[in-house]
């Protein structure tokens, strides 16, 4: 199943900040794949769900504590 995110979600990845535009779910035996357009370069990359965290959003109170894995 492919889900288009509308609006896109601002996320942190191992390659930097970007906008998640799609989520691909291959079923219960594989991790979800996030399709992210990187903010700095515009390059679109696929990331395992374990490599993606929500960026801090003070309005909605999301990810207010800094994640030690993603400085």
PDB file of N, CA and C in Angstrom:
ATOM      1  N   UNK A   1       0.842  -1.166   0.000  1.00  0.00           N
ATOM      2  CA  UNK A   1       0.000   0.000   0.000  1.00  0.00           C
ATOM      3  C   UNK A   1       0.895   1.239   0.000  1.00  0.00           C
ATOM      4  N   UNK A   2       0.546   2.223  -0.774  1.00  0.00           N
ATOM      5  CA  UNK A   2       1.257   3.503  -0.810  1.00  0.00           C
ATOM      6  C   UNK A   2       0.298   4.593  -0.344  1.00  0.00           C
ATOM      7  N   UNK A   3       0.768   5.402   0.615  1.00  0.00           N
ATOM      8  CA  UNK A   3      -0.032   6.498   1.140  1.00  0.00           C
ATOM      9  C   UNK A   3       0.674   7.811   0.832  1.00  0.00           C
ATOM     10  N   UNK A   4      -0.002   8.701   0.109  1.00  0.00           N
ATOM     11  CA  UNK A   4       0.549  10.033  -0.142  1.00  0.00           C
ATOM     12  C   UNK A   4       0.196  10.928   1.038  1.00  0.00           C
ATOM     13  N   UNK A   5       1.201  11.574   1.599  1.00  0.00           N
ATOM     14  CA  UNK A   5       0.984  12.461   2.742  1.00  0.00           C
ATOM     15  C   UNK A   5       0.636  13.857   2.243  1.00  0.00           C
ATOM     16  N   UNK A   6      -0.507  14.353   2.668  1.00  0.00           N
ATOM     17  CA  UNK A   6      -0.954  15.667   2.243  1.00  0.00           C
ATOM     18  C   UNK A   6      -1.566  16.380   3.440  1.00  0.00           C
ATOM     19  N   UNK A   7      -0.846  17.290   4.078  1.00  0.00           N
ATOM     20  CA  UNK A   7       0.429  17.868   3.663  1.00  0.00           C
ATOM     21  C   UNK A   7       1.593  16.957   4.019  1.00  0.00           C
ATOM     22  N   UNK A   8       2.740  17.242   3.412  1.00  0.00           N
ATOM     23  CA  UNK A   8       3.964  16.509   3.711  1.00  0.00           C
ATOM     24  C   UNK A   8       4.356  16.760   5.169  1.00  0.00           C
ATOM     25  N   UNK A   9       5.106  15.809   5.754  1.00  0.00           N
ATOM     26  CA  UNK A   9       5.508  15.891   7.156  1.00  0.00           C
ATOM     27  C   UNK A   9       6.997  16.197   7.232  1.00  0.00           C
ATOM     28  N   UNK A  10       7.373  17.212   7.997  1.00  0.00           N
ATOM     29  CA  UNK A  10       8.777  17.562   8.182  1.00  0.00           C
ATOM     30  C   UNK A  10       9.427  16.533   9.110  1.00  0.00           C
ATOM     31  N   UNK A  11      10.497  15.882   8.627  1.00  0.00           N
ATOM     32  CA  UNK A  11      11.155  14.814   9.378  1.00  0.00           C
ATOM     33  C   UNK A  11      12.666  14.997   9.371  1.00  0.00           C
ATOM     34  N   UNK A  12      13.321  14.302  10.298  1.00  0.00           N
ATOM     35  CA  UNK A  12      14.774  14.241  10.368  1.00  0.00           C
ATOM     36  C   UNK A  12      15.205  12.858   9.899  1.00  0.00           C
ATOM     37  N   UNK A  13      16.231  12.805   9.042  1.00  0.00           N
ATOM     38  CA  UNK A  13      16.750  11.541   8.523  1.00  0.00           C
ATOM     39  C   UNK A  13      18.266  11.510   8.736  1.00  0.00           C
ATOM     40  N   UNK A  14      18.906  10.372   8.504  1.00  0.00           N
ATOM     41  CA  UNK A  14      20.367  10.327   8.595  1.00  0.00           C
ATOM     42  C   UNK A  14      21.061  11.260   7.600  1.00  0.00           C
ATOM     43  N   UNK A  15      20.372  11.674   6.551  1.00  0.00           N
ATOM     44  CA  UNK A  15      20.943  12.567   5.542  1.00  0.00           C
ATOM     45  C   UNK A  15      20.511  14.016   5.719  1.00  0.00           C
ATOM     46  N   UNK A  16      19.801  14.306   6.799  1.00  0.00           N
ATOM     47  CA  UNK A  16      19.351  15.666   7.064  1.00  0.00           C
ATOM     48  C   UNK A  16      17.840  15.787   7.089  1.00  0.00           C
ATOM     49  N   UNK A  17      17.379  17.023   7.215  1.00  0.00           N
ATOM     50  CA  UNK A  17      15.948  17.318   7.293  1.00  0.00           C
ATOM     51  C   UNK A  17      15.303  17.214   5.917  1.00  0.00           C
ATOM     52  N   UNK A  18      14.058  16.764   5.904  1.00  0.00           N
ATOM     53  CA  UNK A  18      13.336  16.659   4.647  1.00  0.00           C
ATOM     54  C   UNK A  18      11.842  16.555   4.882  1.00  0.00           C
ATOM     55  N   UNK A  19      11.113  16.446   3.783  1.00  0.00           N
ATOM     56  CA  UNK A  19       9.659  16.338   3.835  1.00  0.00           C
ATOM     57  C   UNK A  19       9.238  14.949   3.385  1.00  0.00           C
ATOM     58  N   UNK A  20       8.579  14.216   4.292  1.00  0.00           N
ATOM     59  CA  UNK A  20       8.044  12.908   3.944  1.00  0.00           C
ATOM     60  C   UNK A  20       6.845  13.123   3.034  1.00  0.00           C
ATOM     61  N   UNK A  21       6.892  12.527   1.840  1.00  0.00           N
ATOM     62  CA  UNK A  21       5.811  12.731   0.877  1.00  0.00           C
ATOM     63  C   UNK A  21       4.990  11.464   0.625  1.00  0.00           C
ATOM     64  N   UNK A  22       5.595  10.297   0.861  1.00  0.00           N
ATOM     65  CA  UNK A  22       4.886   9.029   0.723  1.00  0.00           C
ATOM     66  C   UNK A  22       5.322   8.081   1.825  1.00  0.00           C
ATOM     67  N   UNK A  23       4.439   7.164   2.181  1.00  0.00           N
ATOM     68  CA  UNK A  23       4.775   6.033   3.038  1.00  0.00           C
ATOM     69  C   UNK A  23       4.393   4.779   2.267  1.00  0.00           C
ATOM     70  N   UNK A  24       5.317   3.823   2.208  1.00  0.00           N
ATOM     71  CA  UNK A  24       5.057   2.561   1.517  1.00  0.00           C
ATOM     72  C   UNK A  24       5.046   1.449   2.559  1.00  0.00           C
ATOM     73  N   UNK A  25       3.928   0.742   2.652  1.00  0.00           N
ATOM     74  CA  UNK A  25       3.787  -0.364   3.593  1.00  0.00           C
ATOM     75  C   UNK A  25       3.777  -1.668   2.811  1.00  0.00           C
ATOM     76  N   UNK A  26       4.815  -2.485   3.033  1.00  0.00           N
ATOM     77  CA  UNK A  26       4.948  -3.749   2.316  1.00  0.00           C
ATOM     78  C   UNK A  26       4.286  -4.912   3.048  1.00  0.00           C
ATOM     79  N   UNK A  27       3.684  -4.670   4.181  1.00  0.00           N
ATOM     80  CA  UNK A  27       3.034  -5.730   4.940  1.00  0.00           C
ATOM     81  C   UNK A  27       3.700  -5.932   6.284  1.00  0.00           C
ATOM     82  N   UNK A  28       3.179  -6.889   7.037  1.00  0.00           N
ATOM     83  CA  UNK A  28       3.618  -7.048   8.417  1.00  0.00           C
ATOM     84  C   UNK A  28       4.991  -7.687   8.568  1.00  0.00           C
ATOM     85  N   UNK A  29       5.588  -8.183   7.503  1.00  0.00           N
ATOM     86  CA  UNK A  29       6.891  -8.841   7.608  1.00  0.00           C
ATOM     87  C   UNK A  29       8.056  -7.943   7.215  1.00  0.00           C
ATOM     88  N   UNK A  30       7.784  -6.686   6.843  1.00  0.00           N
ATOM     89  CA  UNK A  30       8.842  -5.730   6.499  1.00  0.00           C
ATOM     90  C   UNK A  30       8.527  -4.381   7.122  1.00  0.00           C
ATOM     91  N   UNK A  31       9.579  -3.623   7.416  1.00  0.00           N
ATOM     92  CA  UNK A  31       9.387  -2.274   7.954  1.00  0.00           C
ATOM     93  C   UNK A  31       8.803  -1.348   6.898  1.00  0.00           C
ATOM     94  N   UNK A  32       8.116  -0.340   7.367  1.00  0.00           N
ATOM     95  CA  UNK A  32       7.542   0.662   6.481  1.00  0.00           C
ATOM     96  C   UNK A  32       8.653   1.504   5.874  1.00  0.00           C
ATOM     97  N   UNK A  33       8.481   1.881   4.619  1.00  0.00           N
ATOM     98  CA  UNK A  33       9.448   2.705   3.891  1.00  0.00           C
ATOM     99  C   UNK A  33       8.874   4.119   3.772  1.00  0.00           C
ATOM    100  N   UNK A  34       9.698   5.099   4.137  1.00  0.00           N
ATOM    101  CA  UNK A  34       9.304   6.500   4.025  1.00  0.00           C
ATOM    102  C   UNK A  34      10.022   7.112   2.833  1.00  0.00           C
ATOM    103  N   UNK A  35       9.295   7.795   1.976  1.00  0.00           N
ATOM    104  CA  UNK A  35       9.872   8.485   0.828  1.00  0.00           C
ATOM    105  C   UNK A  35       9.968   9.963   1.214  1.00  0.00           C
ATOM    106  N   UNK A  36      11.215  10.463   1.236  1.00  0.00           N
ATOM    107  CA  UNK A  36      11.478  11.805   1.773  1.00  0.00           C
ATOM    108  C   UNK A  36      12.208  12.645   0.734  1.00  0.00           C
ATOM    109  N   UNK A  37      11.731  13.871   0.509  1.00  0.00           N
ATOM    110  CA  UNK A  37      12.435  14.853  -0.317  1.00  0.00           C
ATOM    111  C   UNK A  37      13.315  15.666   0.624  1.00  0.00           C
ATOM    112  N   UNK A  38      14.632  15.575   0.454  1.00  0.00           N
ATOM    113  CA  UNK A  38      15.561  16.261   1.345  1.00  0.00           C
ATOM    114  C   UNK A  38      15.494  17.767   1.133  1.00  0.00           C
ATOM    115  N   UNK A  39      15.498  18.509   2.228  1.00  0.00           N
ATOM    116  CA  UNK A  39      15.317  19.959   2.200  1.00  0.00           C
ATOM    117  C   UNK A  39      16.472  20.684   1.508  1.00  0.00           C
ATOM    118  N   UNK A  40      17.708  20.272   1.765  1.00  0.00           N
ATOM    119  CA  UNK A  40      18.868  20.978   1.214  1.00  0.00           C
ATOM    120  C   UNK A  40      19.065  20.767  -0.282  1.00  0.00           C
ATOM    121  N   UNK A  41      18.836  19.538  -0.742  1.00  0.00           N
ATOM    122  CA  UNK A  41      19.167  19.199  -2.131  1.00  0.00           C
ATOM    123  C   UNK A  41      17.959  18.910  -3.010  1.00  0.00           C
ATOM    124  N   UNK A  42      16.828  18.599  -2.400  1.00  0.00           N
ATOM    125  CA  UNK A  42      15.653  18.220  -3.172  1.00  0.00           C
ATOM    126  C   UNK A  42      15.674  16.778  -3.644  1.00  0.00           C
ATOM    127  N   UNK A  43      16.740  16.062  -3.309  1.00  0.00           N
ATOM    128  CA  UNK A  43      16.855  14.660  -3.702  1.00  0.00           C
ATOM    129  C   UNK A  43      15.808  13.845  -2.948  1.00  0.00           C
ATOM    130  N   UNK A  44      15.161  12.923  -3.647  1.00  0.00           N
ATOM    131  CA  UNK A  44      14.156  12.056  -3.041  1.00  0.00           C
ATOM    132  C   UNK A  44      14.815  10.729  -2.700  1.00  0.00           C
ATOM    133  N   UNK A  45      14.707  10.330  -1.425  1.00  0.00           N
ATOM    134  CA  UNK A  45      15.329   9.100  -0.930  1.00  0.00           C
ATOM    135  C   UNK A  45      14.302   8.270  -0.186  1.00  0.00           C
ATOM    136  N   UNK A  46      14.562   6.963  -0.139  1.00  0.00           N
ATOM    137  CA  UNK A  46      13.747   6.035   0.643  1.00  0.00           C
ATOM    138  C   UNK A  46      14.466   5.747   1.957  1.00  0.00           C
ATOM    139  N   UNK A  47      13.723   5.744   3.071  1.00  0.00           N
ATOM    140  CA  UNK A  47      14.289   5.472   4.383  1.00  0.00           C
ATOM    141  C   UNK A  47      13.446   4.434   5.103  1.00  0.00           C
ATOM    142  N   UNK A  48      14.121   3.565   5.834  1.00  0.00           N
ATOM    143  CA  UNK A  48      13.453   2.621   6.710  1.00  0.00           C
ATOM    144  C   UNK A  48      12.789   3.411   7.844  1.00  0.00           C
ATOM    145  N   UNK A  49      11.683   2.916   8.348  1.00  0.00           N
ATOM    146  CA  UNK A  49      10.959   3.639   9.398  1.00  0.00           C
ATOM    147  C   UNK A  49      11.807   3.876  10.645  1.00  0.00           C
ATOM    148  N   UNK A  50      12.812   3.048  10.884  1.00  0.00           N
ATOM    149  CA  UNK A  50      13.684   3.235  12.048  1.00  0.00           C
ATOM    150  C   UNK A  50      14.637   4.410  11.883  1.00  0.00           C
ATOM    151  N   UNK A  51      14.778   4.942  10.671  1.00  0.00           N
ATOM    152  CA  UNK A  51      15.698   6.039  10.396  1.00  0.00           C
ATOM    153  C   UNK A  51      15.012   7.403  10.302  1.00  0.00           C
ATOM    154  N   UNK A  52      13.725   7.459  10.549  1.00  0.00           N
ATOM    155  CA  UNK A  52      12.963   8.701  10.384  1.00  0.00           C
ATOM    156  C   UNK A  52      12.339   9.103  11.718  1.00  0.00           C
ATOM    157  N   UNK A  53      12.541  10.371  12.119  1.00  0.00           N
ATOM    158  CA  UNK A  53      11.846  10.899  13.295  1.00  0.00           C
ATOM    159  C   UNK A  53      11.203  12.235  12.927  1.00  0.00           C
ATOM    160  N   UNK A  54      10.128  12.551  13.595  1.00  0.00           N
ATOM    161  CA  UNK A  54       9.457  13.827  13.352  1.00  0.00           C
ATOM    162  C   UNK A  54      10.338  14.975  13.799  1.00  0.00           C
ATOM    163  N   UNK A  55      10.352  16.036  13.032  1.00  0.00           N
ATOM    164  CA  UNK A  55      11.058  17.243  13.445  1.00  0.00           C
ATOM    165  C   UNK A  55      10.278  17.901  14.576  1.00  0.00           C
ATOM    166  N   UNK A  56      10.957  18.731  15.351  1.00  0.00           N
ATOM    167  CA  UNK A  56      10.306  19.428  16.457  1.00  0.00           C
ATOM    168  C   UNK A  56       9.225  20.360  15.926  1.00  0.00           C
ATOM    169  N   UNK A  57       8.064  20.286  16.532  1.00  0.00           N
ATOM    170  CA  UNK A  57       6.959  21.163  16.181  1.00  0.00           C
ATOM    171  C   UNK A  57       6.387  21.690  17.497  1.00  0.00           C
ATOM    172  N   UNK A  58       6.706  22.945  17.819  1.00  0.00           N
ATOM    173  CA  UNK A  58       6.291  23.519  19.095  1.00  0.00           C
ATOM    174  C   UNK A  58       4.785  23.768  19.152  1.00  0.00           C
ATOM    175  N   UNK A  59       4.171  24.039  18.032  1.00  0.00           N
ATOM    176  CA  UNK A  59       2.732  24.290  17.999  1.00  0.00           C
ATOM    177  C   UNK A  59       1.947  23.070  18.460  1.00  0.00           C
ATOM    178  N   UNK A  60       2.334  21.898  17.958  1.00  0.00           N
ATOM    179  CA  UNK A  60       1.631  20.665  18.306  1.00  0.00           C
ATOM    180  C   UNK A  60       2.329  19.872  19.403  1.00  0.00           C
ATOM    181  N   UNK A  61       3.461  20.367  19.902  1.00  0.00           N
ATOM    182  CA  UNK A  61       4.162  19.702  20.985  1.00  0.00           C
ATOM    183  C   UNK A  61       4.818  18.396  20.565  1.00  0.00           C
ATOM    184  N   UNK A  62       5.265  18.303  19.308  1.00  0.00           N
ATOM    185  CA  UNK A  62       5.877  17.081  18.796  1.00  0.00           C
ATOM    186  C   UNK A  62       7.391  17.114  18.942  1.00  0.00           C
ATOM    187  N   UNK A  63       7.961  16.033  19.445  1.00  0.00           N
ATOM    188  CA  UNK A  63       9.408  15.846  19.529  1.00  0.00           C
ATOM    189  C   UNK A  63      10.106  17.031  20.196  1.00  0.00           C
ATOM    190  N   UNK A  64       9.639  17.391  21.355  1.00  0.00           N
ATOM    191  CA  UNK A  64      10.208  18.540  22.050  1.00  0.00           C
ATOM    192  C   UNK A  64      11.560  18.230  22.677  1.00  0.00           C
ATOM    193  N   UNK A  65      11.826  16.971  22.959  1.00  0.00           N
ATOM    194  CA  UNK A  65      13.131  16.580  23.505  1.00  0.00           C
ATOM    195  C   UNK A  65      14.050  16.204  22.354  1.00  0.00           C
ATOM    196  N   UNK A  66      15.280  16.639  22.418  1.00  0.00           N
ATOM    197  CA  UNK A  66      16.238  16.343  21.371  1.00  0.00           C
ATOM    198  C   UNK A  66      16.570  14.854  21.384  1.00  0.00           C
ATOM    199  N   UNK A  67      16.509  14.223  20.235  1.00  0.00           N
ATOM    200  CA  UNK A  67      16.826  12.806  20.115  1.00  0.00           C
ATOM    201  C   UNK A  67      18.336  12.658  20.008  1.00  0.00           C
ATOM    202  N   UNK A  68      18.933  11.882  20.886  1.00  0.00           N
ATOM    203  CA  UNK A  68      20.388  11.748  20.928  1.00  0.00           C
ATOM    204  C   UNK A  68      20.943  11.044  19.702  1.00  0.00           C
ATOM    205  N   UNK A  69      20.140  10.315  18.950  1.00  0.00           N
ATOM    206  CA  UNK A  69      20.607   9.628  17.748  1.00  0.00           C
ATOM    207  C   UNK A  69      20.691  10.554  16.549  1.00  0.00           C
ATOM    208  N   UNK A  70      19.998  11.691  16.591  1.00  0.00           N
ATOM    209  CA  UNK A  70      19.954  12.616  15.448  1.00  0.00           C
ATOM    210  C   UNK A  70      20.292  14.007  15.946  1.00  0.00           C
ATOM    211  N   UNK A  71      21.566  14.344  15.990  1.00  0.00           N
ATOM    212  CA  UNK A  71      21.995  15.664  16.476  1.00  0.00           C
ATOM    213  C   UNK A  71      21.759  16.739  15.428  1.00  0.00           C
TER     214      UNK A  71
END
